[in-house]
N, C-alpha and C. Protein backbone atom coordinates (compact mmCIF):
# COMPACT_ATOMS: atom_id res chain seq x y z
N GLY A 1 -26.14 13.84 32.95
CA GLY A 1 -26.49 12.44 33.01
C GLY A 1 -25.27 11.57 33.09
N SER A 2 -25.47 10.28 33.18
CA SER A 2 -24.39 9.32 33.27
C SER A 2 -23.64 9.22 31.95
N SER A 3 -22.31 8.98 32.04
CA SER A 3 -21.50 8.79 30.84
C SER A 3 -21.33 7.32 30.51
N ILE A 4 -21.96 6.44 31.27
CA ILE A 4 -21.87 5.00 31.03
C ILE A 4 -22.81 4.61 29.90
N GLY A 5 -22.27 3.89 28.91
CA GLY A 5 -23.09 3.45 27.79
C GLY A 5 -24.10 2.41 28.20
N GLN A 6 -25.21 2.38 27.49
CA GLN A 6 -26.25 1.39 27.75
C GLN A 6 -26.67 0.73 26.45
N LEU A 7 -27.16 -0.50 26.56
CA LEU A 7 -27.77 -1.21 25.45
C LEU A 7 -29.24 -1.38 25.78
N GLY A 8 -30.08 -0.84 24.92
CA GLY A 8 -31.52 -0.92 25.13
C GLY A 8 -32.20 -1.74 24.06
N VAL A 9 -33.37 -2.23 24.38
CA VAL A 9 -34.15 -3.08 23.47
C VAL A 9 -35.52 -2.45 23.25
N ALA A 10 -35.99 -2.52 22.03
CA ALA A 10 -37.36 -2.10 21.73
C ALA A 10 -37.96 -3.07 20.73
N THR A 11 -39.23 -3.26 20.79
CA THR A 11 -39.95 -4.07 19.81
C THR A 11 -40.95 -3.17 19.08
N TYR A 12 -41.36 -3.62 17.92
CA TYR A 12 -42.34 -2.82 17.19
C TYR A 12 -43.34 -3.74 16.50
N SER A 13 -44.51 -3.21 16.32
CA SER A 13 -45.56 -3.87 15.58
C SER A 13 -46.26 -2.83 14.73
N SER A 14 -46.21 -3.03 13.44
CA SER A 14 -46.76 -2.04 12.51
C SER A 14 -46.08 -0.70 12.75
N THR A 15 -46.78 0.29 13.26
CA THR A 15 -46.19 1.60 13.49
C THR A 15 -46.01 1.91 14.97
N THR A 16 -46.12 0.90 15.82
CA THR A 16 -46.02 1.11 17.26
C THR A 16 -44.77 0.47 17.83
N ALA A 17 -43.96 1.27 18.52
CA ALA A 17 -42.75 0.77 19.17
C ALA A 17 -42.96 0.68 20.67
N THR A 18 -42.40 -0.37 21.27
CA THR A 18 -42.52 -0.57 22.72
C THR A 18 -41.14 -0.76 23.30
N ALA A 19 -40.79 0.03 24.31
CA ALA A 19 -39.47 -0.06 24.92
C ALA A 19 -39.37 -1.30 25.80
N GLY A 20 -38.22 -1.97 25.73
CA GLY A 20 -37.95 -3.09 26.61
C GLY A 20 -36.97 -2.68 27.69
N SER A 21 -36.08 -3.59 28.06
CA SER A 21 -35.13 -3.34 29.14
C SER A 21 -33.84 -2.72 28.60
N THR A 22 -33.05 -2.16 29.50
CA THR A 22 -31.72 -1.67 29.17
C THR A 22 -30.72 -2.30 30.13
N VAL A 23 -29.46 -2.35 29.70
CA VAL A 23 -28.40 -2.87 30.54
C VAL A 23 -27.18 -1.96 30.36
N ASN A 24 -26.47 -1.70 31.44
CA ASN A 24 -25.27 -0.87 31.36
C ASN A 24 -24.12 -1.65 30.73
N LEU A 25 -23.36 -0.97 29.88
CA LEU A 25 -22.10 -1.51 29.41
C LEU A 25 -21.04 -1.26 30.47
N SER A 26 -19.88 -1.88 30.32
CA SER A 26 -18.78 -1.64 31.24
C SER A 26 -18.47 -0.15 31.30
N SER A 27 -18.13 0.34 32.47
CA SER A 27 -17.77 1.75 32.62
C SER A 27 -16.48 2.08 31.88
N ASP A 28 -15.74 1.06 31.44
CA ASP A 28 -14.51 1.28 30.68
C ASP A 28 -14.77 1.43 29.18
N VAL A 29 -16.00 1.26 28.75
CA VAL A 29 -16.31 1.40 27.32
C VAL A 29 -16.24 2.87 26.96
N ASN A 30 -15.39 3.20 25.99
CA ASN A 30 -15.23 4.57 25.51
C ASN A 30 -15.43 4.55 24.00
N PHE A 31 -16.50 5.20 23.55
CA PHE A 31 -16.78 5.21 22.11
C PHE A 31 -16.06 6.36 21.40
N GLY A 32 -15.56 7.33 22.15
CA GLY A 32 -14.76 8.39 21.56
C GLY A 32 -15.47 9.10 20.43
N TYR A 33 -14.69 9.47 19.42
CA TYR A 33 -15.17 10.27 18.29
C TYR A 33 -16.31 9.59 17.54
N GLY A 34 -16.22 8.27 17.41
CA GLY A 34 -17.14 7.60 16.50
C GLY A 34 -18.52 7.34 17.05
N GLY A 35 -18.71 7.47 18.37
CA GLY A 35 -20.00 7.16 18.94
C GLY A 35 -20.21 5.65 19.01
N PRO A 36 -21.34 5.23 19.57
CA PRO A 36 -21.60 3.80 19.72
C PRO A 36 -21.63 3.08 18.37
N ASN A 37 -21.09 1.89 18.35
CA ASN A 37 -21.10 1.07 17.15
C ASN A 37 -21.65 -0.30 17.52
N LEU A 38 -22.64 -0.76 16.77
CA LEU A 38 -23.32 -2.03 17.08
C LEU A 38 -23.71 -2.71 15.79
N ASP A 39 -23.43 -4.01 15.70
CA ASP A 39 -23.89 -4.79 14.57
C ASP A 39 -24.38 -6.13 15.08
N VAL A 40 -25.22 -6.79 14.31
CA VAL A 40 -25.79 -8.07 14.74
C VAL A 40 -25.66 -9.07 13.60
N ASN A 41 -25.35 -10.32 13.94
CA ASN A 41 -25.30 -11.36 12.91
C ASN A 41 -26.64 -12.09 12.83
N SER A 42 -26.74 -13.01 11.90
CA SER A 42 -28.02 -13.68 11.66
C SER A 42 -28.41 -14.61 12.80
N ALA A 43 -27.46 -14.93 13.69
CA ALA A 43 -27.76 -15.78 14.85
C ALA A 43 -28.25 -14.96 16.04
N GLY A 44 -28.28 -13.62 15.89
CA GLY A 44 -28.76 -12.79 16.98
C GLY A 44 -27.71 -12.38 17.99
N THR A 45 -26.43 -12.55 17.64
CA THR A 45 -25.36 -12.09 18.51
C THR A 45 -24.94 -10.69 18.07
N TYR A 46 -24.85 -9.79 19.04
CA TYR A 46 -24.46 -8.41 18.76
C TYR A 46 -22.97 -8.24 19.03
N GLY A 47 -22.31 -7.50 18.17
CA GLY A 47 -20.91 -7.16 18.37
C GLY A 47 -20.77 -5.66 18.56
N ILE A 48 -19.95 -5.26 19.53
CA ILE A 48 -19.73 -3.86 19.83
C ILE A 48 -18.22 -3.63 19.88
N ALA A 49 -17.73 -2.64 19.14
CA ALA A 49 -16.31 -2.28 19.18
C ALA A 49 -16.16 -0.95 19.90
N CYS A 50 -15.06 -0.81 20.65
CA CYS A 50 -14.90 0.39 21.48
C CYS A 50 -13.43 0.57 21.84
N LYS A 51 -13.15 1.68 22.53
CA LYS A 51 -11.88 1.85 23.21
C LYS A 51 -12.06 1.38 24.65
N ASN A 52 -11.06 0.70 25.19
CA ASN A 52 -11.11 0.23 26.58
C ASN A 52 -10.35 1.22 27.45
N SER A 53 -11.08 2.15 28.05
CA SER A 53 -10.43 3.20 28.84
C SER A 53 -9.80 2.64 30.12
N GLY A 54 -10.16 1.43 30.49
CA GLY A 54 -9.55 0.80 31.65
C GLY A 54 -8.29 0.05 31.32
N SER A 55 -7.90 0.09 30.03
CA SER A 55 -6.71 -0.65 29.58
C SER A 55 -6.00 0.15 28.50
N SER A 56 -5.60 1.36 28.84
CA SER A 56 -4.79 2.23 27.96
C SER A 56 -5.43 2.53 26.62
N ASP A 57 -6.78 2.51 26.58
CA ASP A 57 -7.52 2.79 25.35
C ASP A 57 -7.22 1.81 24.23
N TYR A 58 -6.90 0.56 24.60
CA TYR A 58 -6.76 -0.49 23.59
C TYR A 58 -8.10 -0.71 22.90
N VAL A 59 -8.06 -1.22 21.66
CA VAL A 59 -9.30 -1.55 20.97
C VAL A 59 -9.91 -2.78 21.63
N GLY A 60 -11.21 -2.70 21.93
CA GLY A 60 -11.89 -3.80 22.58
C GLY A 60 -13.16 -4.19 21.86
N VAL A 61 -13.61 -5.40 22.12
CA VAL A 61 -14.85 -5.91 21.54
C VAL A 61 -15.70 -6.51 22.67
N LEU A 62 -17.00 -6.23 22.64
CA LEU A 62 -17.95 -6.86 23.53
C LEU A 62 -18.97 -7.60 22.68
N THR A 63 -19.65 -8.56 23.30
CA THR A 63 -20.78 -9.20 22.64
C THR A 63 -22.01 -9.06 23.51
N ALA A 64 -23.16 -9.21 22.89
CA ALA A 64 -24.42 -9.08 23.61
C ALA A 64 -25.46 -10.00 22.99
N GLY A 65 -26.46 -10.32 23.78
CA GLY A 65 -27.59 -11.11 23.31
C GLY A 65 -28.87 -10.57 23.91
N ILE A 66 -29.99 -10.98 23.35
CA ILE A 66 -31.30 -10.53 23.84
C ILE A 66 -32.20 -11.74 24.03
N SER A 67 -32.79 -11.82 25.20
CA SER A 67 -33.79 -12.84 25.50
C SER A 67 -35.14 -12.15 25.64
N THR A 68 -36.03 -12.39 24.69
CA THR A 68 -37.31 -11.68 24.60
C THR A 68 -37.03 -10.19 24.48
N THR A 69 -37.14 -9.42 25.55
CA THR A 69 -36.81 -7.99 25.49
C THR A 69 -35.76 -7.62 26.53
N THR A 70 -35.00 -8.61 27.01
CA THR A 70 -34.00 -8.35 28.04
C THR A 70 -32.60 -8.60 27.48
N PRO A 71 -31.76 -7.55 27.43
CA PRO A 71 -30.41 -7.73 26.89
C PRO A 71 -29.42 -8.16 27.96
N SER A 72 -28.36 -8.81 27.52
CA SER A 72 -27.21 -9.10 28.39
C SER A 72 -25.96 -8.80 27.60
N VAL A 73 -24.91 -8.40 28.29
CA VAL A 73 -23.70 -7.95 27.61
C VAL A 73 -22.47 -8.49 28.32
N SER A 74 -21.41 -8.74 27.53
CA SER A 74 -20.18 -9.29 28.08
C SER A 74 -19.27 -8.16 28.58
N SER A 75 -18.17 -8.54 29.19
CA SER A 75 -17.10 -7.60 29.50
C SER A 75 -16.29 -7.35 28.23
N ILE A 76 -15.34 -6.43 28.30
CA ILE A 76 -14.52 -6.09 27.14
C ILE A 76 -13.38 -7.09 26.98
N THR A 77 -13.17 -7.53 25.74
CA THR A 77 -11.98 -8.30 25.39
C THR A 77 -11.09 -7.43 24.51
N ASN A 78 -9.86 -7.15 24.96
CA ASN A 78 -8.95 -6.37 24.13
C ASN A 78 -8.52 -7.17 22.91
N VAL A 79 -8.49 -6.51 21.75
CA VAL A 79 -8.03 -7.18 20.53
C VAL A 79 -6.76 -6.53 19.99
N THR A 80 -6.27 -5.49 20.68
CA THR A 80 -4.96 -4.91 20.39
C THR A 80 -4.24 -4.66 21.70
N SER A 81 -2.94 -4.41 21.60
CA SER A 81 -2.15 -4.03 22.78
C SER A 81 -1.56 -2.64 22.57
N SER A 82 -2.34 -1.79 21.87
CA SER A 82 -1.93 -0.41 21.66
C SER A 82 -3.18 0.44 21.54
N ASN A 83 -3.03 1.74 21.79
CA ASN A 83 -4.15 2.67 21.66
C ASN A 83 -4.62 2.68 20.22
N GLY A 84 -5.90 2.36 20.00
CA GLY A 84 -6.41 2.21 18.64
C GLY A 84 -7.27 3.34 18.17
N GLY A 85 -7.05 4.56 18.71
CA GLY A 85 -7.85 5.68 18.24
C GLY A 85 -9.31 5.50 18.61
N ALA A 86 -10.20 5.98 17.77
CA ALA A 86 -11.63 5.92 18.07
C ALA A 86 -12.41 5.70 16.78
N GLY A 87 -13.73 5.56 16.94
CA GLY A 87 -14.58 5.44 15.76
C GLY A 87 -14.48 4.11 15.06
N HIS A 88 -14.54 3.02 15.84
CA HIS A 88 -14.39 1.68 15.25
C HIS A 88 -15.74 1.23 14.69
N LEU A 89 -16.01 1.56 13.44
CA LEU A 89 -17.29 1.20 12.84
C LEU A 89 -17.18 -0.22 12.30
N ALA A 90 -17.37 -1.18 13.20
CA ALA A 90 -17.12 -2.59 12.93
C ALA A 90 -18.39 -3.29 12.46
N ARG A 91 -18.21 -4.40 11.71
CA ARG A 91 -19.36 -5.15 11.21
C ARG A 91 -19.04 -6.63 11.11
N PHE A 92 -20.12 -7.43 11.18
CA PHE A 92 -20.02 -8.85 10.90
C PHE A 92 -19.95 -9.09 9.40
N ASP A 93 -19.25 -10.17 9.04
CA ASP A 93 -19.28 -10.65 7.66
C ASP A 93 -20.59 -11.40 7.46
N PRO A 94 -21.49 -10.94 6.59
CA PRO A 94 -22.79 -11.61 6.43
C PRO A 94 -22.66 -13.02 5.87
N ASN A 95 -21.50 -13.35 5.31
CA ASN A 95 -21.27 -14.70 4.81
C ASN A 95 -20.67 -15.63 5.86
N ASN A 96 -20.33 -15.08 7.01
CA ASN A 96 -19.67 -15.87 8.04
C ASN A 96 -19.99 -15.24 9.40
N ASP A 97 -21.01 -15.79 10.05
CA ASP A 97 -21.58 -15.18 11.26
C ASP A 97 -20.58 -14.95 12.38
N ASN A 98 -19.51 -15.74 12.43
CA ASN A 98 -18.60 -15.63 13.58
C ASN A 98 -17.36 -14.79 13.28
N LYS A 99 -17.37 -14.05 12.17
CA LYS A 99 -16.25 -13.18 11.83
C LYS A 99 -16.70 -11.72 11.91
N PHE A 100 -15.95 -10.93 12.68
CA PHE A 100 -16.31 -9.55 12.99
C PHE A 100 -15.15 -8.64 12.61
N GLY A 101 -15.35 -7.78 11.63
CA GLY A 101 -14.29 -6.91 11.14
C GLY A 101 -14.19 -5.63 11.95
N VAL A 102 -12.98 -5.31 12.41
CA VAL A 102 -12.76 -4.13 13.25
C VAL A 102 -11.67 -3.26 12.64
N PRO A 103 -12.03 -2.09 12.08
CA PRO A 103 -11.02 -1.14 11.60
C PRO A 103 -10.69 -0.12 12.68
N TYR A 104 -9.46 0.37 12.70
CA TYR A 104 -9.05 1.36 13.68
C TYR A 104 -7.78 2.02 13.20
N GLU A 105 -7.19 2.89 14.01
CA GLU A 105 -5.90 3.48 13.65
C GLU A 105 -4.97 3.45 14.86
N VAL A 106 -3.70 3.23 14.59
CA VAL A 106 -2.67 3.24 15.62
C VAL A 106 -1.63 4.27 15.21
N SER A 107 -1.46 5.29 16.03
CA SER A 107 -0.56 6.40 15.70
C SER A 107 -0.89 6.97 14.32
N SER A 108 -2.19 7.07 14.06
CA SER A 108 -2.76 7.65 12.84
C SER A 108 -2.66 6.75 11.61
N ILE A 109 -2.02 5.57 11.71
CA ILE A 109 -1.91 4.64 10.59
C ILE A 109 -3.10 3.69 10.61
N GLY A 110 -3.72 3.46 9.45
CA GLY A 110 -4.89 2.60 9.39
C GLY A 110 -4.56 1.14 9.65
N LYS A 111 -5.35 0.50 10.51
CA LYS A 111 -5.20 -0.91 10.84
C LYS A 111 -6.56 -1.60 10.74
N VAL A 112 -6.53 -2.92 10.58
CA VAL A 112 -7.76 -3.70 10.55
C VAL A 112 -7.44 -5.12 11.01
N GLN A 113 -8.41 -5.74 11.63
CA GLN A 113 -8.31 -7.18 11.89
C GLN A 113 -9.72 -7.77 11.89
N ILE A 114 -9.77 -9.04 11.59
CA ILE A 114 -11.02 -9.80 11.65
C ILE A 114 -10.94 -10.69 12.87
N VAL A 115 -11.81 -10.44 13.85
CA VAL A 115 -11.82 -11.26 15.06
C VAL A 115 -12.84 -12.38 14.89
N THR A 116 -12.64 -13.46 15.64
CA THR A 116 -13.50 -14.63 15.55
C THR A 116 -14.29 -14.80 16.83
N LEU A 117 -15.59 -15.00 16.70
CA LEU A 117 -16.45 -15.27 17.84
C LEU A 117 -16.78 -16.76 17.88
N SER A 118 -16.82 -17.31 19.08
CA SER A 118 -17.23 -18.69 19.28
C SER A 118 -18.34 -18.70 20.33
N GLY A 119 -19.45 -19.30 20.01
CA GLY A 119 -20.60 -19.24 20.89
C GLY A 119 -21.51 -18.11 20.46
N SER A 120 -22.43 -17.74 21.34
CA SER A 120 -23.42 -16.75 20.95
C SER A 120 -23.75 -15.81 22.11
N GLY A 121 -24.35 -14.69 21.76
CA GLY A 121 -24.80 -13.74 22.76
C GLY A 121 -23.66 -13.22 23.63
N SER A 122 -23.99 -12.86 24.86
CA SER A 122 -23.00 -12.29 25.76
C SER A 122 -21.99 -13.32 26.27
N SER A 123 -22.24 -14.60 26.01
CA SER A 123 -21.29 -15.64 26.45
C SER A 123 -20.31 -16.03 25.35
N ALA A 124 -20.39 -15.39 24.20
CA ALA A 124 -19.47 -15.71 23.10
C ALA A 124 -18.04 -15.37 23.48
N SER A 125 -17.10 -16.23 23.13
CA SER A 125 -15.69 -15.92 23.34
C SER A 125 -15.15 -15.21 22.10
N ILE A 126 -14.12 -14.39 22.30
CA ILE A 126 -13.58 -13.54 21.25
C ILE A 126 -12.10 -13.86 21.08
N THR A 127 -11.69 -14.16 19.85
CA THR A 127 -10.29 -14.44 19.53
C THR A 127 -9.78 -13.40 18.54
N SER A 128 -8.69 -12.73 18.91
CA SER A 128 -8.12 -11.72 18.02
C SER A 128 -7.63 -12.36 16.72
N GLY A 129 -7.70 -11.59 15.64
CA GLY A 129 -7.13 -12.02 14.38
C GLY A 129 -5.74 -11.42 14.18
N THR A 130 -5.26 -11.46 12.96
CA THR A 130 -3.95 -10.89 12.62
C THR A 130 -4.12 -9.42 12.25
N GLU A 131 -3.51 -8.54 13.04
CA GLU A 131 -3.58 -7.11 12.73
C GLU A 131 -2.82 -6.82 11.45
N THR A 132 -3.44 -6.06 10.57
CA THR A 132 -2.87 -5.74 9.27
C THR A 132 -2.95 -4.23 9.04
N THR A 133 -1.93 -3.67 8.43
CA THR A 133 -1.98 -2.27 8.03
C THR A 133 -2.89 -2.14 6.81
N SER A 134 -3.99 -1.43 6.99
CA SER A 134 -4.92 -1.25 5.88
C SER A 134 -4.56 -0.03 5.04
N VAL A 135 -4.04 0.99 5.69
CA VAL A 135 -3.68 2.24 5.02
C VAL A 135 -2.36 2.73 5.63
N ASN A 136 -1.30 2.72 4.85
CA ASN A 136 0.00 3.10 5.39
C ASN A 136 0.23 4.60 5.25
N GLU A 137 -0.70 5.35 5.80
CA GLU A 137 -0.59 6.81 5.85
C GLU A 137 -1.52 7.30 6.94
N ASN A 138 -1.45 8.57 7.24
CA ASN A 138 -2.28 9.13 8.30
C ASN A 138 -3.75 9.16 7.89
N ILE A 139 -4.60 8.63 8.78
CA ILE A 139 -6.04 8.68 8.55
C ILE A 139 -6.71 9.26 9.79
N LYS A 140 -7.94 9.71 9.62
CA LYS A 140 -8.70 10.22 10.76
C LYS A 140 -9.31 9.05 11.54
N GLU A 141 -9.81 9.36 12.73
CA GLU A 141 -10.28 8.32 13.65
C GLU A 141 -11.71 7.89 13.35
N ASN A 142 -12.04 7.62 12.11
CA ASN A 142 -13.41 7.21 11.81
C ASN A 142 -13.48 6.19 10.67
N PRO A 143 -12.56 5.20 10.62
CA PRO A 143 -12.69 4.22 9.54
C PRO A 143 -13.88 3.31 9.75
N SER A 144 -14.46 2.83 8.65
CA SER A 144 -15.56 1.86 8.75
C SER A 144 -15.31 0.73 7.77
N ILE A 145 -15.93 -0.42 8.03
CA ILE A 145 -15.75 -1.60 7.19
C ILE A 145 -17.11 -2.12 6.77
N ILE A 146 -17.20 -2.54 5.52
CA ILE A 146 -18.39 -3.23 5.03
C ILE A 146 -17.94 -4.44 4.22
N PHE A 147 -18.70 -5.52 4.31
CA PHE A 147 -18.39 -6.76 3.60
C PHE A 147 -19.30 -6.91 2.39
N ASN A 148 -18.78 -7.56 1.36
CA ASN A 148 -19.56 -7.86 0.17
C ASN A 148 -20.40 -9.12 0.45
N PRO A 149 -21.73 -8.98 0.54
CA PRO A 149 -22.55 -10.14 0.91
C PRO A 149 -22.63 -11.21 -0.18
N THR A 150 -22.20 -10.90 -1.39
CA THR A 150 -22.28 -11.88 -2.48
C THR A 150 -20.94 -12.53 -2.78
N ALA A 151 -19.89 -12.16 -2.03
CA ALA A 151 -18.56 -12.71 -2.28
C ALA A 151 -18.27 -13.84 -1.32
N SER A 152 -17.61 -14.87 -1.80
CA SER A 152 -17.30 -16.03 -0.98
C SER A 152 -15.85 -16.01 -0.48
N ASN A 153 -15.11 -14.96 -0.82
CA ASN A 153 -13.69 -14.91 -0.48
C ASN A 153 -13.37 -13.90 0.60
N GLY A 154 -14.37 -13.54 1.44
CA GLY A 154 -14.11 -12.60 2.52
C GLY A 154 -13.78 -11.21 2.04
N GLU A 155 -14.44 -10.76 0.99
CA GLU A 155 -14.15 -9.45 0.41
C GLU A 155 -14.78 -8.33 1.24
N PHE A 156 -14.01 -7.27 1.46
CA PHE A 156 -14.52 -6.15 2.24
C PHE A 156 -13.97 -4.83 1.71
N ILE A 157 -14.57 -3.74 2.17
CA ILE A 157 -14.15 -2.39 1.84
C ILE A 157 -13.97 -1.62 3.15
N ILE A 158 -12.89 -0.88 3.26
CA ILE A 158 -12.70 0.04 4.37
C ILE A 158 -12.81 1.47 3.83
N GLY A 159 -13.66 2.24 4.45
CA GLY A 159 -13.80 3.64 4.09
C GLY A 159 -13.17 4.52 5.16
N TYR A 160 -12.50 5.56 4.74
CA TYR A 160 -11.83 6.42 5.71
C TYR A 160 -11.63 7.81 5.13
N GLN A 161 -11.27 8.75 6.00
CA GLN A 161 -10.86 10.08 5.58
C GLN A 161 -9.36 10.23 5.78
N SER A 162 -8.70 10.75 4.76
CA SER A 162 -7.25 10.96 4.84
C SER A 162 -6.94 12.06 5.84
N ASP A 163 -5.80 11.91 6.51
CA ASP A 163 -5.30 12.97 7.39
C ASP A 163 -3.90 13.41 6.98
N GLU A 164 -3.53 13.09 5.72
CA GLU A 164 -2.29 13.57 5.17
C GLU A 164 -2.43 15.05 4.80
N THR A 165 -1.35 15.80 4.85
CA THR A 165 -1.42 17.24 4.58
C THR A 165 -1.96 17.53 3.19
N ALA A 166 -1.49 16.80 2.19
CA ALA A 166 -1.87 17.09 0.81
C ALA A 166 -3.27 16.61 0.47
N THR A 167 -3.78 15.64 1.22
CA THR A 167 -5.08 15.04 0.89
C THR A 167 -6.04 15.08 2.07
N SER A 168 -5.82 15.99 3.00
CA SER A 168 -6.60 16.03 4.22
C SER A 168 -8.10 16.08 3.95
N ASN A 169 -8.84 15.16 4.60
CA ASN A 169 -10.30 15.04 4.53
C ASN A 169 -10.81 14.42 3.23
N ASP A 170 -9.92 14.02 2.32
CA ASP A 170 -10.39 13.25 1.16
C ASP A 170 -11.08 11.99 1.65
N LEU A 171 -12.12 11.59 0.96
CA LEU A 171 -12.88 10.39 1.30
C LEU A 171 -12.40 9.25 0.41
N VAL A 172 -11.89 8.17 1.03
CA VAL A 172 -11.19 7.11 0.29
C VAL A 172 -11.77 5.75 0.66
N ALA A 173 -11.81 4.86 -0.31
CA ALA A 173 -12.18 3.46 -0.08
C ALA A 173 -11.03 2.57 -0.50
N ILE A 174 -10.76 1.54 0.29
CA ILE A 174 -9.72 0.58 -0.05
C ILE A 174 -10.28 -0.83 0.09
N MET A 175 -9.92 -1.70 -0.84
CA MET A 175 -10.47 -3.05 -0.88
C MET A 175 -9.54 -4.04 -0.19
N GLY A 176 -10.13 -5.14 0.28
CA GLY A 176 -9.34 -6.19 0.88
C GLY A 176 -10.09 -7.51 0.91
N THR A 177 -9.37 -8.58 1.21
CA THR A 177 -9.98 -9.90 1.42
C THR A 177 -9.30 -10.53 2.63
N TYR A 178 -9.95 -11.56 3.19
CA TYR A 178 -9.31 -12.30 4.28
C TYR A 178 -9.58 -13.78 4.12
N ASP A 179 -8.68 -14.58 4.69
CA ASP A 179 -8.77 -16.04 4.68
C ASP A 179 -9.46 -16.48 5.96
N ASP A 180 -10.67 -17.03 5.83
CA ASP A 180 -11.44 -17.39 7.02
C ASP A 180 -11.26 -18.85 7.44
N SER A 181 -10.19 -19.49 6.96
CA SER A 181 -10.02 -20.91 7.25
C SER A 181 -9.56 -21.19 8.68
N ASP A 182 -9.05 -20.16 9.37
CA ASP A 182 -8.68 -20.32 10.78
C ASP A 182 -8.84 -18.97 11.48
N THR A 183 -8.46 -18.92 12.74
CA THR A 183 -8.68 -17.69 13.51
C THR A 183 -7.62 -16.62 13.24
N ASN A 184 -6.59 -16.94 12.43
CA ASN A 184 -5.64 -15.89 12.04
C ASN A 184 -6.33 -14.86 11.15
N ASN A 185 -7.28 -15.34 10.32
CA ASN A 185 -8.02 -14.45 9.42
C ASN A 185 -7.06 -13.53 8.65
N THR A 186 -6.07 -14.15 8.00
CA THR A 186 -5.03 -13.39 7.32
C THR A 186 -5.61 -12.51 6.23
N ILE A 187 -5.23 -11.24 6.25
CA ILE A 187 -5.82 -10.22 5.39
C ILE A 187 -4.86 -9.86 4.26
N THR A 188 -5.41 -9.65 3.07
CA THR A 188 -4.67 -9.13 1.93
C THR A 188 -5.35 -7.84 1.48
N MET A 189 -4.62 -6.74 1.52
CA MET A 189 -5.19 -5.47 1.10
C MET A 189 -4.94 -5.24 -0.38
N GLY A 190 -5.90 -4.56 -1.02
CA GLY A 190 -5.80 -4.26 -2.44
C GLY A 190 -5.58 -2.77 -2.68
N SER A 191 -6.19 -2.29 -3.74
CA SER A 191 -5.98 -0.91 -4.16
C SER A 191 -7.00 0.02 -3.51
N SER A 192 -6.69 1.32 -3.51
CA SER A 192 -7.58 2.33 -2.95
C SER A 192 -8.14 3.21 -4.06
N TYR A 193 -9.22 3.89 -3.73
CA TYR A 193 -9.87 4.78 -4.69
C TYR A 193 -10.36 6.02 -3.94
N THR A 194 -10.00 7.20 -4.43
CA THR A 194 -10.47 8.44 -3.83
C THR A 194 -11.87 8.75 -4.33
N MET A 195 -12.83 8.65 -3.43
CA MET A 195 -14.22 8.87 -3.80
C MET A 195 -14.59 10.34 -3.86
N LEU A 196 -13.95 11.13 -2.99
CA LEU A 196 -14.26 12.55 -2.92
C LEU A 196 -12.98 13.32 -2.63
N ASP A 197 -12.60 14.17 -3.57
CA ASP A 197 -11.39 14.97 -3.44
C ASP A 197 -11.76 16.29 -2.79
N LYS A 198 -11.30 16.48 -1.55
CA LYS A 198 -11.68 17.67 -0.80
C LYS A 198 -11.22 18.95 -1.50
N SER A 199 -10.11 18.88 -2.28
CA SER A 199 -9.63 20.08 -2.96
C SER A 199 -10.54 20.53 -4.09
N ALA A 200 -11.42 19.61 -4.53
CA ALA A 200 -12.31 19.93 -5.65
C ALA A 200 -13.75 20.14 -5.24
N THR A 201 -14.04 19.90 -3.97
CA THR A 201 -15.42 20.02 -3.51
C THR A 201 -15.43 20.46 -2.05
N ASP A 202 -16.61 20.50 -1.45
CA ASP A 202 -16.71 20.93 -0.06
C ASP A 202 -16.20 19.86 0.89
N PHE A 203 -16.00 20.25 2.13
CA PHE A 203 -15.50 19.36 3.16
C PHE A 203 -16.54 18.30 3.52
N PRO A 204 -16.24 17.01 3.34
CA PRO A 204 -17.20 15.96 3.72
C PRO A 204 -17.19 15.73 5.22
N GLN A 205 -18.35 15.79 5.82
CA GLN A 205 -18.46 15.62 7.26
C GLN A 205 -19.24 14.35 7.60
N LYS A 206 -18.81 13.68 8.68
CA LYS A 206 -19.49 12.50 9.21
C LYS A 206 -19.78 11.44 8.14
N PRO A 207 -18.76 11.02 7.39
CA PRO A 207 -19.00 9.97 6.39
C PRO A 207 -19.33 8.64 7.04
N PHE A 208 -20.22 7.90 6.42
CA PHE A 208 -20.63 6.60 6.95
C PHE A 208 -20.84 5.65 5.79
N PHE A 209 -19.98 4.66 5.68
CA PHE A 209 -20.11 3.64 4.63
C PHE A 209 -21.19 2.66 5.09
N ASN A 210 -22.31 2.64 4.39
CA ASN A 210 -23.50 2.07 5.00
C ASN A 210 -24.08 0.85 4.31
N GLY A 211 -23.36 0.19 3.46
CA GLY A 211 -23.90 -1.04 2.90
C GLY A 211 -23.28 -1.39 1.57
N CYS A 212 -23.37 -2.67 1.24
CA CYS A 212 -22.77 -3.17 0.00
C CYS A 212 -23.74 -4.15 -0.63
N ASP A 213 -23.97 -4.00 -1.92
CA ASP A 213 -24.83 -4.90 -2.68
C ASP A 213 -24.02 -5.39 -3.87
N GLY A 214 -23.40 -6.56 -3.70
CA GLY A 214 -22.52 -7.05 -4.74
C GLY A 214 -21.31 -6.14 -4.86
N ASN A 215 -21.07 -5.62 -6.06
CA ASN A 215 -19.94 -4.75 -6.29
C ASN A 215 -20.28 -3.27 -6.15
N VAL A 216 -21.43 -2.97 -5.58
CA VAL A 216 -21.86 -1.59 -5.40
C VAL A 216 -21.96 -1.30 -3.90
N PHE A 217 -21.39 -0.19 -3.46
CA PHE A 217 -21.52 0.18 -2.06
C PHE A 217 -21.86 1.67 -1.96
N GLY A 218 -22.42 2.03 -0.80
CA GLY A 218 -22.89 3.40 -0.62
C GLY A 218 -22.20 4.07 0.54
N VAL A 219 -22.16 5.40 0.49
CA VAL A 219 -21.62 6.19 1.59
C VAL A 219 -22.47 7.43 1.77
N ASN A 220 -22.80 7.73 3.01
CA ASN A 220 -23.53 8.96 3.35
C ASN A 220 -22.56 9.96 3.98
N PHE A 221 -22.73 11.22 3.68
CA PHE A 221 -21.98 12.27 4.35
C PHE A 221 -22.73 13.58 4.17
N VAL A 222 -22.32 14.59 4.92
CA VAL A 222 -22.94 15.91 4.79
C VAL A 222 -21.88 16.93 4.47
């Protein structure tokens, strides 16, 4: 089949789902290791993070919107000028609809930035934020970000797997905040916590940091 990504729409009523339309993403969209990543804000704008294979695998962001059951999608806007690895499990800040957190890695070092959207749907413009080192050590290509929905100071958590020799595959969370007063979205990183020590337990596979409720957050893995 085709290797071009698509965005599809479905509606449901009670226990019945009905398929709507689909639209092709840019042929330069490369989801790599992490697979497709999609999040939506309360205004109905979708954010998609990816590698831009048409631009040296730089980290890119697309936006999308849906009219009834018909989706539309933007072209890719690069938010870095370096290869950002893969697996960008990005999310909107639920306290600020136009802020989209994108974690990634550059030369195996953890990076993060908060990009700003202006407008809505596939016509939204994207402004890069200030790239910050989130983890100054080797990490695997699957970091994810979740925001604290009850915090007013831009509080977030980045989850990742270590790729250091001594701590390889350990599952780690690191805290941070950002200043949302302008499009720089200046980030301050805090302390990290090892959630799962691979040397003391089995190898965690496909970890996914999947939500935050106040000061409690969850992670799934196998």
